[in-house]
C-alpha atoms as a PDB file:
ATOM      1  CA  MET A   1       0.000   0.000   0.000  1.00  0.00           C
ATOM      2  CA  LYS A   2       1.314   3.481  -0.858  1.00  0.00           C
ATOM      3  CA  THR A   3       2.469   5.765   1.951  1.00  0.00           C
ATOM      4  CA  VAL A   4      -0.216   8.377   1.139  1.00  0.00           C
ATOM      5  CA  ASP A   5      -2.909   5.687   1.209  1.00  0.00           C
ATOM      6  CA  LYS A   6      -1.799   4.424   4.628  1.00  0.00           C
ATOM      7  CA  HIS A   7      -1.639   7.940   6.025  1.00  0.00           C
ATOM      8  CA  SER A   8      -5.167   8.631   4.743  1.00  0.00           C
ATOM      9  CA  LYS A   9      -6.460   5.311   6.095  1.00  0.00           C
ATOM     10  CA  ILE A  10      -5.056   6.128   9.517  1.00  0.00           C
ATOM     11  CA  ILE A  11      -6.644   9.609   9.485  1.00  0.00           C
ATOM     12  CA  VAL A  12     -10.052   8.168   8.519  1.00  0.00           C
ATOM     13  CA  ALA A  13      -9.738   5.404  11.112  1.00  0.00           C
ATOM     14  CA  ALA A  14      -8.643   7.824  13.838  1.00  0.00           C
ATOM     15  CA  THR A  15     -11.569  10.142  13.083  1.00  0.00           C
ATOM     16  CA  LYS A  16     -13.964   7.223  13.473  1.00  0.00           C
ATOM     17  CA  VAL A  17     -12.330   5.936  16.668  1.00  0.00           C
ATOM     18  CA  PHE A  18     -12.111   9.400  18.269  1.00  0.00           C
ATOM     19  CA  ALA A  19     -15.778  10.044  17.434  1.00  0.00           C
ATOM     20  CA  LYS A  20     -16.861   6.720  18.895  1.00  0.00           C
ATOM     21  CA  LYS A  21     -14.620   6.440  21.968  1.00  0.00           C
ATOM     22  CA  GLY A  22     -13.402   9.969  22.569  1.00  0.00           C
ATOM     23  CA  PHE A  23      -9.778  10.986  22.344  1.00  0.00           C
ATOM     24  CA  PHE A  24      -8.765  10.004  25.872  1.00  0.00           C
ATOM     25  CA  ASN A  25     -10.385   6.563  25.727  1.00  0.00           C
ATOM     26  CA  ALA A  26      -9.083   5.739  22.251  1.00  0.00           C
ATOM     27  CA  ARG A  27      -5.899   3.711  21.992  1.00  0.00           C
ATOM     28  CA  ILE A  28      -3.347   3.548  19.209  1.00  0.00           C
ATOM     29  CA  SER A  29      -4.226  -0.149  18.863  1.00  0.00           C
ATOM     30  CA  ASP A  30      -7.905   0.815  18.272  1.00  0.00           C
ATOM     31  CA  ILE A  31      -6.871   3.136  15.460  1.00  0.00           C
ATOM     32  CA  ALA A  32      -4.521   0.531  13.963  1.00  0.00           C
ATOM     33  CA  LYS A  33      -7.263  -2.104  14.076  1.00  0.00           C
ATOM     34  CA  GLU A  34      -9.769   0.236  12.390  1.00  0.00           C
ATOM     35  CA  ALA A  35      -7.183   1.183   9.735  1.00  0.00           C
ATOM     36  CA  LYS A  36      -6.242  -2.492   9.262  1.00  0.00           C
ATOM     37  CA  VAL A  37      -2.540  -1.796   9.848  1.00  0.00           C
ATOM     38  CA  ALA A  38      -0.074  -3.003  12.467  1.00  0.00           C
ATOM     39  CA  ASP A  39       0.214  -0.899  15.634  1.00  0.00           C
ATOM     40  CA  GLY A  40       3.834  -0.053  14.770  1.00  0.00           C
ATOM     41  CA  THR A  41       2.774   1.303  11.362  1.00  0.00           C
ATOM     42  CA  ILE A  42       0.994   4.183  13.107  1.00  0.00           C
ATOM     43  CA  TYR A  43       4.344   5.381  14.482  1.00  0.00           C
ATOM     44  CA  LEU A  44       5.825   5.553  10.993  1.00  0.00           C
ATOM     45  CA  TYR A  45       3.400   8.420  10.297  1.00  0.00           C
ATOM     46  CA  PHE A  46       2.608   9.958  13.690  1.00  0.00           C
ATOM     47  CA  ASN A  47       4.552  10.570  16.901  1.00  0.00           C
ATOM     48  CA  ASN A  48       1.665   9.881  19.278  1.00  0.00           C
ATOM     49  CA  LYS A  49      -2.090  10.092  19.724  1.00  0.00           C
ATOM     50  CA  PHE A  50      -2.074  13.906  20.041  1.00  0.00           C
ATOM     51  CA  ASP A  51      -0.193  14.114  16.760  1.00  0.00           C
ATOM     52  CA  ILE A  52      -2.925  12.029  15.139  1.00  0.00           C
ATOM     53  CA  LEU A  53      -5.688  14.230  16.590  1.00  0.00           C
ATOM     54  CA  ILE A  54      -4.022  17.451  15.433  1.00  0.00           C
ATOM     55  CA  SER A  55      -3.439  15.895  11.991  1.00  0.00           C
ATOM     56  CA  VAL A  56      -7.129  14.919  11.762  1.00  0.00           C
ATOM     57  CA  LEU A  57      -8.185  18.485  12.587  1.00  0.00           C
ATOM     58  CA  GLU A  58      -5.512  20.141  10.407  1.00  0.00           C
ATOM     59  CA  GLU A  59      -6.139  18.025   7.348  1.00  0.00           C
ATOM     60  CA  GLU A  60      -9.913  17.796   7.485  1.00  0.00           C
ATOM     61  CA  ILE A  61     -10.548  21.437   8.393  1.00  0.00           C
ATOM     62  CA  GLY A  62      -7.868  22.391   5.858  1.00  0.00           C
ATOM     63  CA  LYS A  63      -9.887  20.627   3.146  1.00  0.00           C
ATOM     64  CA  ILE A  64     -13.028  22.550   4.109  1.00  0.00           C
ATOM     65  CA  ILE A  65     -11.103  25.856   4.078  1.00  0.00           C
ATOM     66  CA  GLU A  66      -9.870  25.075   0.553  1.00  0.00           C
ATOM     67  CA  GLN A  67     -13.408  24.262  -0.634  1.00  0.00           C
ATOM     68  CA  ILE A  68     -14.818  27.466   0.839  1.00  0.00           C
ATOM     69  CA  GLU A  69     -12.013  29.694  -0.439  1.00  0.00           C
ATOM     70  CA  LYS A  70     -12.325  28.217  -3.920  1.00  0.00           C
ATOM     71  CA  ALA A  71     -16.114  28.658  -3.894  1.00  0.00           C
ATOM     72  CA  ILE A  72     -16.011  32.301  -2.741  1.00  0.00           C
ATOM     73  CA  GLU A  73     -12.962  33.529  -4.683  1.00  0.00           C
ATOM     74  CA  GLN A  74     -15.086  34.713  -7.617  1.00  0.00           C
ATOM     75  CA  GLU A  75     -17.923  36.009  -5.422  1.00  0.00           C
ATOM     76  CA  THR A  76     -18.072  39.695  -4.468  1.00  0.00           C
ATOM     77  CA  ASP A  77     -21.378  39.777  -2.579  1.00  0.00           C
ATOM     78  CA  ALA A  78     -20.681  39.182   1.136  1.00  0.00           C
ATOM     79  CA  GLU A  79     -24.210  37.880   1.715  1.00  0.00           C
ATOM     80  CA  LYS A  80     -23.700  35.139  -0.869  1.00  0.00           C
ATOM     81  CA  MET A  81     -20.227  34.435   0.521  1.00  0.00           C
ATOM     82  CA  LEU A  82     -21.649  33.743   3.972  1.00  0.00           C
ATOM     83  CA  MET A  83     -24.335  31.517   2.460  1.00  0.00           C
ATOM     84  CA  ILE A  84     -21.600  29.568   0.646  1.00  0.00           C
ATOM     85  CA  PHE A  85     -19.673  29.188   3.909  1.00  0.00           C
ATOM     86  CA  ILE A  86     -22.793  27.803   5.625  1.00  0.00           C
ATOM     87  CA  GLU A  87     -23.559  25.394   2.790  1.00  0.00           C
ATOM     88  CA  LYS A  88     -19.975  24.096   2.496  1.00  0.00           C
ATOM     89  CA  HIS A  89     -19.506  23.659   6.242  1.00  0.00           C
ATOM     90  CA  LEU A  90     -22.800  21.881   6.864  1.00  0.00           C
ATOM     91  CA  THR A  91     -22.422  19.686   3.780  1.00  0.00           C
ATOM     92  CA  ALA A  92     -18.943  18.613   4.929  1.00  0.00           C
ATOM     93  CA  MET A  93     -20.232  17.829   8.427  1.00  0.00           C
ATOM     94  CA  LYS A  94     -23.190  15.835   7.129  1.00  0.00           C
ATOM     95  CA  GLN A  95     -20.894  13.847   4.833  1.00  0.00           C
ATOM     96  CA  ASN A  96     -18.402  13.181   7.626  1.00  0.00           C
ATOM     97  CA  LYS A  97     -20.406  12.755  10.830  1.00  0.00           C
ATOM     98  CA  ASN A  98     -17.365  11.399  12.647  1.00  0.00           C
ATOM     99  CA  LEU A  99     -15.474  14.606  11.913  1.00  0.00           C
ATOM    100  CA  ALA A 100     -18.449  16.655  13.166  1.00  0.00           C
ATOM    101  CA  GLU A 101     -18.306  14.749  16.445  1.00  0.00           C
ATOM    102  CA  VAL A 102     -14.520  15.088  16.778  1.00  0.00           C
ATOM    103  CA  ILE A 103     -14.638  18.837  16.113  1.00  0.00           C
ATOM    104  CA  HIS A 104     -17.469  19.290  18.585  1.00  0.00           C
ATOM    105  CA  ILE A 105     -15.849  17.353  21.422  1.00  0.00           C
ATOM    106  CA  GLU A 106     -12.108  17.574  20.927  1.00  0.00           C
ATOM    107  CA  LEU A 107     -11.758  21.279  20.073  1.00  0.00           C
ATOM    108  CA  ARG A 108     -12.986  22.020  23.586  1.00  0.00           C
ATOM    109  CA  GLN A 109     -10.060  20.279  25.256  1.00  0.00           C
ATOM    110  CA  SER A 110      -7.812  22.343  27.470  1.00  0.00           C
ATOM    111  CA  ASP A 111      -4.659  20.475  26.466  1.00  0.00           C
ATOM    112  CA  ARG A 112      -1.811  22.752  25.356  1.00  0.00           C
ATOM    113  CA  LEU A 113      -1.500  21.087  21.930  1.00  0.00           C
ATOM    114  CA  VAL A 114      -5.189  21.549  21.170  1.00  0.00           C
ATOM    115  CA  LYS A 115      -5.023  25.160  22.390  1.00  0.00           C
ATOM    116  CA  GLU A 116      -2.119  25.745  19.998  1.00  0.00           C
ATOM    117  CA  TYR A 117      -4.125  24.164  17.191  1.00  0.00           C
ATOM    118  CA  ARG A 118      -7.081  26.445  17.920  1.00  0.00           C
ATOM    119  CA  ASN A 119      -4.722  29.347  17.320  1.00  0.00           C
ATOM    120  CA  THR A 120      -3.594  28.163  13.848  1.00  0.00           C
ATOM    121  CA  THR A 121      -5.700  26.419  11.184  1.00  0.00           C
ATOM    122  CA  PHE A 122      -8.893  26.592  13.213  1.00  0.00           C
ATOM    123  CA  LYS A 123      -8.360  30.318  13.747  1.00  0.00           C
ATOM    124  CA  ALA A 124      -7.879  30.733   9.986  1.00  0.00           C
ATOM    125  CA  TYR A 125     -11.146  28.884   9.499  1.00  0.00           C
ATOM    126  CA  ILE A 126     -13.251  31.088  11.748  1.00  0.00           C
ATOM    127  CA  ASP A 127     -11.379  34.193  10.580  1.00  0.00           C
ATOM    128  CA  LEU A 128     -12.937  33.529   7.164  1.00  0.00           C
ATOM    129  CA  ILE A 129     -16.277  34.280   8.829  1.00  0.00           C
ATOM    130  CA  SER A 130     -15.166  37.593  10.329  1.00  0.00           C
ATOM    131  CA  ASP A 131     -13.513  38.579   7.025  1.00  0.00           C
ATOM    132  CA  ILE A 132     -16.822  38.012   5.206  1.00  0.00           C
ATOM    133  CA  ILE A 133     -18.743  39.956   7.863  1.00  0.00           C
ATOM    134  CA  GLU A 134     -16.309  42.894   7.618  1.00  0.00           C
ATOM    135  CA  LYS A 135     -16.614  42.842   3.831  1.00  0.00           C
ATOM    136  CA  GLY A 136     -20.408  42.863   4.190  1.00  0.00           C
ATOM    137  CA  GLN A 137     -20.215  45.820   6.561  1.00  0.00           C
ATOM    138  CA  ASP A 138     -18.059  47.694   4.048  1.00  0.00           C
ATOM    139  CA  GLN A 139     -20.642  46.892   1.347  1.00  0.00           C
ATOM    140  CA  GLY A 140     -23.464  48.163   3.560  1.00  0.00           C
ATOM    141  CA  ILE A 141     -25.049  44.691   3.710  1.00  0.00           C
ATOM    142  CA  TYR A 142     -24.363  43.812   7.352  1.00  0.00           C
ATOM    143  CA  ARG A 143     -25.104  45.989  10.356  1.00  0.00           C
ATOM    144  CA  LYS A 144     -22.191  48.099  11.597  1.00  0.00           C
ATOM    145  CA  ASP A 145     -23.038  47.414  15.260  1.00  0.00           C
ATOM    146  CA  ILE A 146     -22.101  43.738  14.856  1.00  0.00           C
ATOM    147  CA  MET A 147     -18.604  42.948  16.102  1.00  0.00           C
ATOM    148  CA  PRO A 148     -17.026  40.479  13.641  1.00  0.00           C
ATOM    149  CA  GLY A 149     -14.795  38.931  16.327  1.00  0.00           C
ATOM    150  CA  ILE A 150     -17.786  37.992  18.466  1.00  0.00           C
ATOM    151  CA  ALA A 151     -20.045  37.174  15.531  1.00  0.00           C
ATOM    152  CA  LYS A 152     -17.563  34.656  14.064  1.00  0.00           C
ATOM    153  CA  ARG A 153     -17.533  32.676  17.326  1.00  0.00           C
ATOM    154  CA  ALA A 154     -21.318  32.751  17.696  1.00  0.00           C
ATOM    155  CA  PHE A 155     -21.694  31.783  14.046  1.00  0.00           C
ATOM    156  CA  PHE A 156     -19.226  28.882  14.271  1.00  0.00           C
ATOM    157  CA  GLY A 157     -20.749  27.773  17.587  1.00  0.00           C
ATOM    158  CA  ALA A 158     -24.163  27.577  15.947  1.00  0.00           C
ATOM    159  CA  LEU A 159     -22.816  25.669  12.938  1.00  0.00           C
ATOM    160  CA  ASP A 160     -20.922  23.302  15.227  1.00  0.00           C
ATOM    161  CA  GLU A 161     -23.923  22.565  17.421  1.00  0.00           C
ATOM    162  CA  VAL A 162     -26.298  22.201  14.474  1.00  0.00           C
ATOM    163  CA  SER A 163     -23.854  19.774  12.810  1.00  0.00           C
ATOM    164  CA  ARG A 164     -24.484  17.389  15.682  1.00  0.00           C
ATOM    165  CA  VAL A 165     -28.076  16.785  14.543  1.00  0.00           C
ATOM    166  CA  TRP A 166     -26.633  14.228  12.130  1.00  0.00           C
ATOM    167  CA  THR A 167     -24.717  12.393  14.862  1.00  0.00           C
ATOM    168  CA  THR A 168     -27.723  11.785  17.117  1.00  0.00           C
ATOM    169  CA  PRO A 169     -30.650   9.346  16.968  1.00  0.00           C
ATOM    170  CA  TYR A 170     -32.754  12.257  15.637  1.00  0.00           C
ATOM    171  CA  SER A 171     -30.516  12.646  12.593  1.00  0.00           C
ATOM    172  CA  SER A 172     -33.310  12.144  10.063  1.00  0.00           C
ATOM    173  CA  GLN A 173     -35.425  14.870  11.635  1.00  0.00           C
ATOM    174  CA  TYR A 174     -33.728  17.684   9.694  1.00  0.00           C
ATOM    175  CA  THR A 175     -32.601  17.693   6.085  1.00  0.00           C
ATOM    176  CA  LEU A 176     -29.396  19.405   5.014  1.00  0.00           C
ATOM    177  CA  GLU A 177     -31.427  21.932   3.014  1.00  0.00           C
ATOM    178  CA  GLU A 178     -33.692  22.801   5.983  1.00  0.00           C
ATOM    179  CA  THR A 179     -30.689  23.210   8.247  1.00  0.00           C
ATOM    180  CA  ILE A 180     -28.913  25.505   5.782  1.00  0.00           C
ATOM    181  CA  GLU A 181     -32.080  27.613   5.373  1.00  0.00           C
ATOM    182  CA  GLN A 182     -32.489  27.970   9.143  1.00  0.00           C
ATOM    183  CA  ILE A 183     -28.894  29.091   9.708  1.00  0.00           C
ATOM    184  CA  ILE A 184     -29.200  31.580   6.839  1.00  0.00           C
ATOM    185  CA  ALA A 185     -32.434  32.931   8.329  1.00  0.00           C
ATOM    186  CA  LEU A 186     -30.918  33.306  11.778  1.00  0.00           C
ATOM    187  CA  PHE A 187     -27.500  34.678  10.919  1.00  0.00           C
ATOM    188  CA  VAL A 188     -27.374  36.108   7.413  1.00  0.00           C
ATOM    189  CA  VAL A 189     -30.792  37.748   7.554  1.00  0.00           C
ATOM    190  CA  GLY A 190     -30.277  38.634  11.212  1.00  0.00           C
ATOM    191  CA  MET A 191     -27.146  40.640  10.379  1.00  0.00           C
ATOM    192  CA  CYS A 192     -28.567  42.416   7.328  1.00  0.00           C
ATOM    193  CA  VAL A 193     -29.137  46.147   7.391  1.00  0.00           C
ATOM    194  CA  ARG A 194     -32.206  45.999   5.171  1.00  0.00           C
ATOM    195  CA  CYS A 195     -33.948  43.108   6.952  1.00  0.00           C
END
């Protein structure tokens, strides 16, 4: 098996194991078993369990950032940009329910490594939100009294919590389309000057 394939298999397996067992209860052997590789193979790619967790978050959130940036690069309307962000984020979380669970639980850890992570790629991710809000304020679309730094956290918190509807027994209660429409109604319309 190619090195890239093994690395990817381990990331997918770790995401599943962390979602199911939680980071602290998961063992390297659990991840190896899920990935169908020997325990020692894990250490060819990762230093330890924290390294795997940070890699899961870096790589998976990095992919979502790329999708969003690519989708909004040709867009000039900040209202549409925020709608694209909502749609891309929620679609990614619905497609990868294990990742939604890992983000929801593990980003709240107080461990130093996770705190450092929150200040890098994750910060870049939520800074996309505040950048769009600031652009919308400059365009006269979003209210000037909204503080982008607070709004980005509230916005991401709502997206994060809503993403969990697909990881619970009530997952079929809400469609992706309904969920996107509700978040748009609450946040995009709620921030608009003209609404």
